[in-house]
Amino acid sequence: MFLLRLQQTIDRFSDLLGKIAAVLFILMLFNVFFDVASRYIFNTVYIGMQEMEWHLYAAMFMLGIPFTLKAGGHVRVDVIYDQLSVRRRAWIDLICTFVLLMPFCLLVAWYGVDFARESFQLGEGSGDPGGLPNRWIIKSVIPFAMFFNFISGVGLALKSINILSGRLKDDGYTPVQH
């Protein structure tokens, strides 16, 4: 039962990250609207607003991945995968999580920390006049997002283990009552 509760806790965390990504998407929409309106209506360009679009998009994308992983929306060969039994899919998810996802997340997070730290130490900002300062903030999203992806991968692995052990029904979400 502990593994099932741990999976559900991680799934709720991934859902929270999905909601944060959705809010970032809405903020990005407002930002793009303001940028386009200021350009075409007022004939004014704000470099900082254009850069903010990129930052919001990057953060939205990176923080949305754990939710996508939890929801099963990540890229794979669905033509083959969907034809397999639930147990075979659980085995594929379990093996791929440990062999591909987790090592990738750890590698990118490891190098991402130095990437963000160097940006912070250099006081890196935009090279454009009127651009955004403190580029380390968006670069810091990389290791955090990879850590969150790793956590979501643990949730996916636990889901697979719970399916294989019979604690979850074939839908992958409904606990089996004993």
N, C-alpha and C. Protein backbone atom coordinates (compact mmCIF):
# COMPACT_ATOMS: atom_id res chain seq x y z
N MET A 1 0.81 -1.20 0.00
CA MET A 1 0.00 0.00 0.00
C MET A 1 0.86 1.26 0.00
N PHE A 2 2.06 1.15 0.61
CA PHE A 2 2.96 2.31 0.65
C PHE A 2 3.35 2.76 -0.75
N LEU A 3 3.67 1.80 -1.63
CA LEU A 3 4.07 2.15 -3.00
C LEU A 3 2.94 2.82 -3.75
N LEU A 4 1.73 2.38 -3.50
CA LEU A 4 0.57 2.98 -4.15
C LEU A 4 0.36 4.42 -3.69
N ARG A 5 0.47 4.66 -2.38
CA ARG A 5 0.32 6.03 -1.86
C ARG A 5 1.45 6.93 -2.34
N LEU A 6 2.68 6.38 -2.39
CA LEU A 6 3.80 7.17 -2.89
C LEU A 6 3.59 7.55 -4.35
N GLN A 7 3.12 6.61 -5.17
CA GLN A 7 2.82 6.91 -6.57
C GLN A 7 1.76 8.00 -6.68
N GLN A 8 0.71 7.90 -5.87
CA GLN A 8 -0.37 8.89 -5.92
C GLN A 8 0.12 10.27 -5.49
N THR A 9 1.03 10.32 -4.52
CA THR A 9 1.61 11.59 -4.07
C THR A 9 2.43 12.22 -5.19
N ILE A 10 3.25 11.41 -5.83
CA ILE A 10 4.07 11.90 -6.94
C ILE A 10 3.18 12.35 -8.09
N ASP A 11 2.11 11.59 -8.35
CA ASP A 11 1.17 11.97 -9.42
C ASP A 11 0.51 13.32 -9.12
N ARG A 12 0.17 13.57 -7.85
CA ARG A 12 -0.41 14.86 -7.49
C ARG A 12 0.61 15.99 -7.70
N PHE A 13 1.87 15.71 -7.39
CA PHE A 13 2.93 16.69 -7.61
C PHE A 13 3.06 16.99 -9.11
N SER A 14 3.02 15.95 -9.93
CA SER A 14 3.08 16.15 -11.38
C SER A 14 1.88 16.93 -11.89
N ASP A 15 0.72 16.67 -11.30
CA ASP A 15 -0.48 17.46 -11.66
C ASP A 15 -0.29 18.93 -11.31
N LEU A 16 0.30 19.20 -10.15
CA LEU A 16 0.58 20.58 -9.74
C LEU A 16 1.50 21.26 -10.74
N LEU A 17 2.53 20.56 -11.18
CA LEU A 17 3.44 21.14 -12.18
C LEU A 17 2.71 21.40 -13.49
N GLY A 18 1.76 20.54 -13.83
CA GLY A 18 0.95 20.77 -15.02
C GLY A 18 0.11 22.03 -14.89
N LYS A 19 -0.42 22.28 -13.70
CA LYS A 19 -1.19 23.49 -13.47
C LYS A 19 -0.30 24.73 -13.53
N ILE A 20 0.89 24.62 -13.00
CA ILE A 20 1.84 25.73 -13.08
C ILE A 20 2.18 26.01 -14.54
N ALA A 21 2.40 24.96 -15.32
CA ALA A 21 2.68 25.13 -16.74
C ALA A 21 1.50 25.79 -17.45
N ALA A 22 0.28 25.43 -17.07
CA ALA A 22 -0.91 26.04 -17.68
C ALA A 22 -0.99 27.53 -17.36
N VAL A 23 -0.66 27.90 -16.13
CA VAL A 23 -0.64 29.32 -15.76
C VAL A 23 0.44 30.06 -16.55
N LEU A 24 1.60 29.43 -16.70
CA LEU A 24 2.67 30.05 -17.49
C LEU A 24 2.24 30.23 -18.95
N PHE A 25 1.45 29.28 -19.45
CA PHE A 25 0.94 29.39 -20.82
C PHE A 25 0.03 30.61 -20.96
N ILE A 26 -0.85 30.80 -19.98
CA ILE A 26 -1.76 31.95 -20.02
C ILE A 26 -0.97 33.25 -19.92
N LEU A 27 0.03 33.29 -19.04
CA LEU A 27 0.88 34.48 -18.94
C LEU A 27 1.59 34.74 -20.26
N MET A 28 2.04 33.67 -20.91
CA MET A 28 2.71 33.83 -22.19
C MET A 28 1.74 34.38 -23.24
N LEU A 29 0.48 33.92 -23.21
CA LEU A 29 -0.51 34.44 -24.16
C LEU A 29 -0.71 35.94 -23.97
N PHE A 30 -0.84 36.38 -22.73
CA PHE A 30 -0.98 37.81 -22.46
C PHE A 30 0.25 38.58 -22.91
N ASN A 31 1.42 38.00 -22.67
CA ASN A 31 2.66 38.63 -23.07
C ASN A 31 2.72 38.79 -24.59
N VAL A 32 2.37 37.74 -25.31
CA VAL A 32 2.38 37.80 -26.78
C VAL A 32 1.36 38.81 -27.27
N PHE A 33 0.18 38.81 -26.67
CA PHE A 33 -0.85 39.78 -27.06
C PHE A 33 -0.34 41.21 -26.88
N PHE A 34 0.25 41.49 -25.71
CA PHE A 34 0.80 42.82 -25.45
C PHE A 34 1.89 43.18 -26.45
N ASP A 35 2.76 42.21 -26.72
CA ASP A 35 3.87 42.45 -27.64
C ASP A 35 3.36 42.76 -29.05
N VAL A 36 2.42 41.98 -29.52
CA VAL A 36 1.86 42.20 -30.87
C VAL A 36 1.09 43.52 -30.92
N ALA A 37 0.29 43.78 -29.90
CA ALA A 37 -0.48 45.03 -29.88
C ALA A 37 0.44 46.24 -29.84
N SER A 38 1.48 46.17 -29.02
CA SER A 38 2.39 47.33 -28.95
C SER A 38 3.14 47.52 -30.26
N ARG A 39 3.43 46.44 -30.94
CA ARG A 39 4.16 46.55 -32.20
C ARG A 39 3.28 47.11 -33.31
N TYR A 40 2.07 46.59 -33.45
CA TYR A 40 1.24 46.97 -34.59
C TYR A 40 0.32 48.15 -34.33
N ILE A 41 -0.04 48.37 -33.09
CA ILE A 41 -0.93 49.50 -32.79
C ILE A 41 -0.12 50.75 -32.43
N PHE A 42 0.89 50.56 -31.58
CA PHE A 42 1.66 51.71 -31.09
C PHE A 42 3.03 51.85 -31.75
N ASN A 43 3.37 50.91 -32.65
CA ASN A 43 4.64 50.93 -33.37
C ASN A 43 5.84 50.99 -32.40
N THR A 44 5.72 50.23 -31.32
CA THR A 44 6.76 50.18 -30.29
C THR A 44 7.17 48.74 -30.06
N VAL A 45 8.46 48.51 -29.92
CA VAL A 45 8.98 47.17 -29.67
C VAL A 45 9.68 47.16 -28.32
N TYR A 46 9.33 46.18 -27.51
CA TYR A 46 9.97 45.99 -26.21
C TYR A 46 10.76 44.68 -26.25
N ILE A 47 12.07 44.79 -26.30
CA ILE A 47 12.93 43.61 -26.37
C ILE A 47 12.71 42.72 -25.15
N GLY A 48 12.57 43.34 -23.99
CA GLY A 48 12.35 42.57 -22.76
C GLY A 48 11.09 41.72 -22.83
N MET A 49 10.05 42.24 -23.44
CA MET A 49 8.81 41.48 -23.58
C MET A 49 8.99 40.30 -24.54
N GLN A 50 9.76 40.52 -25.61
CA GLN A 50 10.02 39.42 -26.53
C GLN A 50 10.83 38.33 -25.85
N GLU A 51 11.82 38.73 -25.07
CA GLU A 51 12.60 37.74 -24.35
C GLU A 51 11.76 37.03 -23.29
N MET A 52 10.84 37.76 -22.68
CA MET A 52 9.96 37.14 -21.68
C MET A 52 9.12 36.03 -22.32
N GLU A 53 8.74 36.20 -23.58
CA GLU A 53 8.01 35.14 -24.28
C GLU A 53 8.83 33.87 -24.31
N TRP A 54 10.10 34.00 -24.64
CA TRP A 54 10.97 32.82 -24.71
C TRP A 54 11.13 32.19 -23.34
N HIS A 55 11.28 33.03 -22.33
CA HIS A 55 11.46 32.52 -20.97
C HIS A 55 10.21 31.80 -20.49
N LEU A 56 9.05 32.40 -20.72
CA LEU A 56 7.80 31.76 -20.31
C LEU A 56 7.57 30.46 -21.06
N TYR A 57 7.88 30.47 -22.36
CA TYR A 57 7.71 29.25 -23.14
C TYR A 57 8.62 28.15 -22.63
N ALA A 58 9.88 28.49 -22.38
CA ALA A 58 10.84 27.49 -21.89
C ALA A 58 10.40 26.93 -20.55
N ALA A 59 10.00 27.79 -19.63
CA ALA A 59 9.57 27.33 -18.31
C ALA A 59 8.30 26.50 -18.42
N MET A 60 7.36 26.93 -19.25
CA MET A 60 6.12 26.19 -19.44
C MET A 60 6.42 24.80 -19.99
N PHE A 61 7.27 24.73 -20.98
CA PHE A 61 7.61 23.45 -21.61
C PHE A 61 8.31 22.54 -20.61
N MET A 62 9.32 23.07 -19.94
CA MET A 62 10.12 22.24 -19.03
C MET A 62 9.30 21.76 -17.82
N LEU A 63 8.43 22.60 -17.29
CA LEU A 63 7.64 22.21 -16.13
C LEU A 63 6.40 21.41 -16.53
N GLY A 64 6.05 21.43 -17.80
CA GLY A 64 4.92 20.64 -18.28
C GLY A 64 5.27 19.19 -18.58
N ILE A 65 6.56 18.90 -18.72
CA ILE A 65 6.98 17.54 -19.06
C ILE A 65 6.59 16.52 -17.99
N PRO A 66 6.80 16.80 -16.69
CA PRO A 66 6.39 15.80 -15.70
C PRO A 66 4.90 15.46 -15.76
N PHE A 67 4.06 16.47 -16.00
CA PHE A 67 2.63 16.19 -16.13
C PHE A 67 2.37 15.33 -17.37
N THR A 68 3.02 15.67 -18.47
CA THR A 68 2.85 14.91 -19.71
C THR A 68 3.29 13.46 -19.51
N LEU A 69 4.37 13.26 -18.79
CA LEU A 69 4.86 11.92 -18.50
C LEU A 69 3.85 11.15 -17.66
N LYS A 70 3.32 11.80 -16.64
CA LYS A 70 2.33 11.17 -15.76
C LYS A 70 1.05 10.85 -16.53
N ALA A 71 0.65 11.75 -17.44
CA ALA A 71 -0.61 11.56 -18.19
C ALA A 71 -0.44 10.60 -19.38
N GLY A 72 0.79 10.15 -19.63
CA GLY A 72 1.01 9.23 -20.74
C GLY A 72 1.02 9.93 -22.09
N GLY A 73 1.29 11.21 -22.11
CA GLY A 73 1.30 11.97 -23.36
C GLY A 73 2.67 12.13 -23.97
N HIS A 74 3.68 11.47 -23.42
CA HIS A 74 5.03 11.61 -23.95
C HIS A 74 5.17 10.82 -25.25
N VAL A 75 6.24 11.09 -25.97
CA VAL A 75 6.45 10.51 -27.28
C VAL A 75 6.90 9.06 -27.15
N ARG A 76 6.25 8.20 -27.89
CA ARG A 76 6.65 6.81 -28.01
C ARG A 76 5.94 6.26 -29.24
N VAL A 77 6.21 5.04 -29.58
CA VAL A 77 5.60 4.44 -30.76
C VAL A 77 4.25 3.86 -30.34
N ASP A 78 3.23 4.73 -30.33
CA ASP A 78 1.92 4.33 -29.85
C ASP A 78 1.26 3.27 -30.72
N VAL A 79 1.63 3.20 -32.00
CA VAL A 79 1.04 2.20 -32.89
C VAL A 79 1.34 0.80 -32.36
N ILE A 80 2.53 0.61 -31.84
CA ILE A 80 2.92 -0.68 -31.28
C ILE A 80 2.49 -0.77 -29.81
N TYR A 81 2.79 0.26 -29.06
CA TYR A 81 2.56 0.28 -27.61
C TYR A 81 1.10 0.04 -27.26
N ASP A 82 0.19 0.67 -27.98
CA ASP A 82 -1.24 0.54 -27.68
C ASP A 82 -1.78 -0.85 -27.94
N GLN A 83 -1.09 -1.63 -28.75
CA GLN A 83 -1.55 -2.99 -29.07
C GLN A 83 -1.11 -4.01 -28.02
N LEU A 84 -0.23 -3.59 -27.11
CA LEU A 84 0.31 -4.51 -26.10
C LEU A 84 -0.62 -4.61 -24.90
N SER A 85 -0.46 -5.68 -24.16
CA SER A 85 -1.23 -5.84 -22.93
C SER A 85 -0.75 -4.81 -21.90
N VAL A 86 -1.57 -4.59 -20.89
CA VAL A 86 -1.23 -3.63 -19.84
C VAL A 86 0.05 -4.04 -19.13
N ARG A 87 0.23 -5.33 -18.89
CA ARG A 87 1.45 -5.81 -18.22
C ARG A 87 2.69 -5.57 -19.08
N ARG A 88 2.59 -5.79 -20.37
CA ARG A 88 3.76 -5.54 -21.25
C ARG A 88 4.08 -4.06 -21.31
N ARG A 89 3.05 -3.23 -21.36
CA ARG A 89 3.28 -1.78 -21.33
C ARG A 89 3.95 -1.38 -20.02
N ALA A 90 3.52 -1.99 -18.93
CA ALA A 90 4.13 -1.68 -17.63
C ALA A 90 5.61 -2.08 -17.63
N TRP A 91 5.93 -3.23 -18.22
CA TRP A 91 7.34 -3.64 -18.30
C TRP A 91 8.15 -2.67 -19.16
N ILE A 92 7.59 -2.27 -20.29
CA ILE A 92 8.30 -1.32 -21.16
C ILE A 92 8.52 0.00 -20.43
N ASP A 93 7.48 0.51 -19.77
CA ASP A 93 7.61 1.76 -19.02
C ASP A 93 8.64 1.64 -17.92
N LEU A 94 8.63 0.53 -17.21
CA LEU A 94 9.57 0.33 -16.11
C LEU A 94 11.01 0.29 -16.61
N ILE A 95 11.25 -0.49 -17.64
CA ILE A 95 12.62 -0.63 -18.17
C ILE A 95 13.10 0.70 -18.77
N CYS A 96 12.26 1.33 -19.58
CA CYS A 96 12.66 2.59 -20.22
C CYS A 96 12.86 3.71 -19.20
N THR A 97 12.09 3.68 -18.12
CA THR A 97 12.27 4.69 -17.08
C THR A 97 13.65 4.58 -16.47
N PHE A 98 14.07 3.36 -16.14
CA PHE A 98 15.37 3.18 -15.49
C PHE A 98 16.54 3.28 -16.46
N VAL A 99 16.34 2.85 -17.71
CA VAL A 99 17.45 2.83 -18.67
C VAL A 99 17.60 4.15 -19.42
N LEU A 100 16.49 4.82 -19.74
CA LEU A 100 16.55 6.02 -20.56
C LEU A 100 16.22 7.30 -19.79
N LEU A 101 15.04 7.34 -19.18
CA LEU A 101 14.56 8.59 -18.57
C LEU A 101 15.41 9.06 -17.40
N MET A 102 15.60 8.20 -16.42
CA MET A 102 16.31 8.63 -15.21
C MET A 102 17.76 9.01 -15.47
N PRO A 103 18.53 8.22 -16.23
CA PRO A 103 19.91 8.66 -16.52
C PRO A 103 19.95 10.00 -17.28
N PHE A 104 19.02 10.18 -18.23
CA PHE A 104 18.97 11.44 -18.98
C PHE A 104 18.69 12.61 -18.04
N CYS A 105 17.70 12.45 -17.17
CA CYS A 105 17.35 13.53 -16.23
C CYS A 105 18.52 13.87 -15.32
N LEU A 106 19.18 12.86 -14.80
CA LEU A 106 20.32 13.10 -13.90
C LEU A 106 21.46 13.78 -14.64
N LEU A 107 21.73 13.37 -15.86
CA LEU A 107 22.81 13.96 -16.65
C LEU A 107 22.54 15.43 -16.96
N VAL A 108 21.35 15.73 -17.44
CA VAL A 108 21.01 17.10 -17.78
C VAL A 108 20.95 17.97 -16.52
N ALA A 109 20.42 17.44 -15.42
CA ALA A 109 20.38 18.19 -14.17
C ALA A 109 21.79 18.48 -13.67
N TRP A 110 22.66 17.50 -13.75
CA TRP A 110 24.04 17.66 -13.29
C TRP A 110 24.73 18.80 -14.04
N TYR A 111 24.66 18.77 -15.35
CA TYR A 111 25.30 19.83 -16.15
C TYR A 111 24.51 21.13 -16.08
N GLY A 112 23.21 21.04 -15.88
CA GLY A 112 22.38 22.24 -15.79
C GLY A 112 22.69 23.08 -14.57
N VAL A 113 23.09 22.45 -13.48
CA VAL A 113 23.45 23.19 -12.27
C VAL A 113 24.65 24.09 -12.56
N ASP A 114 25.68 23.55 -13.19
CA ASP A 114 26.86 24.36 -13.52
C ASP A 114 26.53 25.45 -14.53
N PHE A 115 25.67 25.12 -15.46
CA PHE A 115 25.22 26.07 -16.48
C PHE A 115 24.56 27.28 -15.82
N ALA A 116 23.66 27.03 -14.87
CA ALA A 116 22.96 28.11 -14.16
C ALA A 116 23.91 28.83 -13.20
N ARG A 117 24.77 28.08 -12.52
CA ARG A 117 25.71 28.70 -11.57
C ARG A 117 26.66 29.66 -12.29
N GLU A 118 27.17 29.22 -13.42
CA GLU A 118 28.08 30.08 -14.20
C GLU A 118 27.38 31.35 -14.65
N SER A 119 26.14 31.22 -15.09
CA SER A 119 25.36 32.38 -15.51
C SER A 119 25.16 33.34 -14.35
N PHE A 120 24.89 32.79 -13.16
CA PHE A 120 24.70 33.62 -11.96
C PHE A 120 26.00 34.35 -11.60
N GLN A 121 27.11 33.61 -11.60
CA GLN A 121 28.40 34.19 -11.21
C GLN A 121 28.85 35.27 -12.18
N LEU A 122 28.53 35.09 -13.46
CA LEU A 122 28.90 36.10 -14.46
C LEU A 122 27.94 37.28 -14.47
N GLY A 123 26.82 37.15 -13.79
CA GLY A 123 25.80 38.20 -13.84
C GLY A 123 25.23 38.32 -15.24
N GLU A 124 25.09 37.17 -15.90
CA GLU A 124 24.66 37.15 -17.30
C GLU A 124 23.27 37.75 -17.47
N GLY A 125 23.14 38.55 -18.47
CA GLY A 125 21.87 39.14 -18.84
C GLY A 125 21.76 39.13 -20.35
N SER A 126 20.76 39.75 -20.85
CA SER A 126 20.56 39.83 -22.29
C SER A 126 21.66 40.66 -22.93
N GLY A 127 22.04 40.28 -24.13
CA GLY A 127 23.01 41.05 -24.88
C GLY A 127 22.37 42.22 -25.61
N ASP A 128 21.05 42.24 -25.63
CA ASP A 128 20.33 43.30 -26.33
C ASP A 128 19.98 44.43 -25.39
N PRO A 129 20.04 45.68 -25.87
CA PRO A 129 19.60 46.80 -25.03
C PRO A 129 18.10 46.67 -24.75
N GLY A 130 17.74 46.84 -23.50
CA GLY A 130 16.33 46.69 -23.12
C GLY A 130 15.94 45.26 -22.85
N GLY A 131 16.91 44.34 -22.94
CA GLY A 131 16.62 42.92 -22.69
C GLY A 131 16.56 42.62 -21.20
N LEU A 132 16.25 41.39 -20.89
CA LEU A 132 16.09 40.99 -19.50
C LEU A 132 17.43 40.73 -18.82
N PRO A 133 17.57 41.17 -17.57
CA PRO A 133 18.76 40.83 -16.80
C PRO A 133 18.58 39.44 -16.16
N ASN A 134 19.55 39.02 -15.45
CA ASN A 134 19.47 37.79 -14.63
C ASN A 134 19.05 36.55 -15.43
N ARG A 135 19.80 36.26 -16.46
CA ARG A 135 19.49 35.10 -17.29
C ARG A 135 19.62 33.80 -16.51
N TRP A 136 20.30 33.82 -15.37
CA TRP A 136 20.46 32.62 -14.56
C TRP A 136 19.11 32.09 -14.07
N ILE A 137 18.11 32.96 -13.97
CA ILE A 137 16.81 32.50 -13.48
C ILE A 137 16.21 31.46 -14.43
N ILE A 138 16.19 31.77 -15.72
CA ILE A 138 15.62 30.81 -16.67
C ILE A 138 16.53 29.60 -16.83
N LYS A 139 17.84 29.81 -16.72
CA LYS A 139 18.75 28.68 -16.81
C LYS A 139 18.62 27.75 -15.61
N SER A 140 18.18 28.28 -14.48
CA SER A 140 17.97 27.46 -13.29
C SER A 140 16.76 26.54 -13.43
N VAL A 141 15.87 26.88 -14.33
CA VAL A 141 14.71 26.04 -14.55
C VAL A 141 15.13 24.67 -15.08
N ILE A 142 16.24 24.62 -15.82
CA ILE A 142 16.67 23.35 -16.42
C ILE A 142 16.96 22.29 -15.36
N PRO A 143 17.86 22.53 -14.39
CA PRO A 143 18.08 21.45 -13.41
C PRO A 143 16.86 21.16 -12.54
N PHE A 144 16.09 22.21 -12.19
CA PHE A 144 14.88 21.96 -11.41
C PHE A 144 13.90 21.09 -12.18
N ALA A 145 13.69 21.42 -13.45
CA ALA A 145 12.75 20.65 -14.26
C ALA A 145 13.22 19.21 -14.43
N MET A 146 14.52 19.02 -14.60
CA MET A 146 15.04 17.65 -14.75
C MET A 146 14.89 16.87 -13.44
N PHE A 147 15.06 17.55 -12.31
CA PHE A 147 14.80 16.90 -11.02
C PHE A 147 13.33 16.50 -10.91
N PHE A 148 12.44 17.42 -11.32
CA PHE A 148 11.01 17.12 -11.29
C PHE A 148 10.66 16.00 -12.26
N ASN A 149 11.33 15.96 -13.43
CA ASN A 149 11.11 14.87 -14.38
C ASN A 149 11.57 13.54 -13.78
N PHE A 150 12.67 13.58 -13.06
CA PHE A 150 13.16 12.38 -12.39
C PHE A 150 12.12 11.89 -11.39
N ILE A 151 11.58 12.82 -10.60
CA ILE A 151 10.54 12.46 -9.61
C ILE A 151 9.32 11.86 -10.32
N SER A 152 8.92 12.47 -11.43
CA SER A 152 7.79 11.95 -12.19
C SER A 152 8.12 10.57 -12.75
N GLY A 153 9.38 10.37 -13.13
CA GLY A 153 9.83 9.04 -13.58
C GLY A 153 9.71 8.01 -12.47
N VAL A 154 10.01 8.41 -11.24
CA VAL A 154 9.82 7.51 -10.10
C VAL A 154 8.34 7.15 -10.00
N GLY A 155 7.47 8.14 -10.20
CA GLY A 155 6.03 7.87 -10.18
C GLY A 155 5.62 6.90 -11.27
N LEU A 156 6.19 7.06 -12.47
CA LEU A 156 5.88 6.14 -13.57
C LEU A 156 6.38 4.74 -13.27
N ALA A 157 7.58 4.65 -12.69
CA ALA A 157 8.12 3.34 -12.32
C ALA A 157 7.24 2.69 -11.24
N LEU A 158 6.82 3.49 -10.27
CA LEU A 158 5.94 2.94 -9.22
C LEU A 158 4.60 2.49 -9.79
N LYS A 159 4.08 3.26 -10.74
CA LYS A 159 2.83 2.86 -11.40
C LYS A 159 3.01 1.50 -12.08
N SER A 160 4.12 1.34 -12.77
CA SER A 160 4.39 0.07 -13.45
C SER A 160 4.53 -1.06 -12.44
N ILE A 161 5.24 -0.81 -11.35
CA ILE A 161 5.40 -1.83 -10.31
C ILE A 161 4.05 -2.17 -9.69
N ASN A 162 3.22 -1.15 -9.45
CA ASN A 162 1.90 -1.38 -8.88
C ASN A 162 1.00 -2.17 -9.82
N ILE A 163 1.12 -1.94 -11.12
CA ILE A 163 0.35 -2.73 -12.10
C ILE A 163 0.85 -4.17 -12.11
N LEU A 164 2.17 -4.34 -12.17
CA LEU A 164 2.75 -5.68 -12.25
C LEU A 164 2.49 -6.50 -10.98
N SER A 165 2.40 -5.81 -9.84
CA SER A 165 2.17 -6.52 -8.57
C SER A 165 0.68 -6.73 -8.28
N GLY A 166 -0.18 -6.16 -9.14
CA GLY A 166 -1.62 -6.35 -8.97
C GLY A 166 -2.27 -5.37 -8.02
N ARG A 167 -1.56 -4.30 -7.62
CA ARG A 167 -2.16 -3.30 -6.74
C ARG A 167 -3.03 -2.30 -7.51
N LEU A 168 -2.83 -2.21 -8.83
CA LEU A 168 -3.65 -1.33 -9.67
C LEU A 168 -4.35 -2.16 -10.72
N LYS A 169 -5.57 -1.73 -11.06
CA LYS A 169 -6.31 -2.40 -12.13
C LYS A 169 -5.67 -2.06 -13.48
N ASP A 170 -6.21 -2.64 -14.53
CA ASP A 170 -5.64 -2.48 -15.86
C ASP A 170 -5.64 -1.06 -16.38
N ASP A 171 -6.49 -0.19 -15.79
CA ASP A 171 -6.48 1.20 -16.26
C ASP A 171 -5.26 1.96 -15.74
N GLY A 172 -4.56 1.38 -14.77
CA GLY A 172 -3.35 2.01 -14.25
C GLY A 172 -3.59 3.06 -13.19
N TYR A 173 -4.86 3.28 -12.81
CA TYR A 173 -5.16 4.33 -11.83
C TYR A 173 -6.05 3.83 -10.68
N THR A 174 -6.83 2.82 -10.92
CA THR A 174 -7.77 2.36 -9.92
C THR A 174 -7.14 1.29 -9.04
N PRO A 175 -7.04 1.55 -7.73
CA PRO A 175 -6.48 0.54 -6.83
C PRO A 175 -7.36 -0.70 -6.76
N VAL A 176 -6.71 -1.84 -6.62
CA VAL A 176 -7.43 -3.12 -6.45
C VAL A 176 -7.79 -3.24 -4.98
N GLN A 177 -9.04 -3.53 -4.70
CA GLN A 177 -9.50 -3.69 -3.32
C GLN A 177 -9.29 -5.14 -2.91
N HIS A 178 -8.62 -5.33 -1.79
CA HIS A 178 -8.37 -6.71 -1.29
C HIS A 178 -9.26 -7.01 -0.13
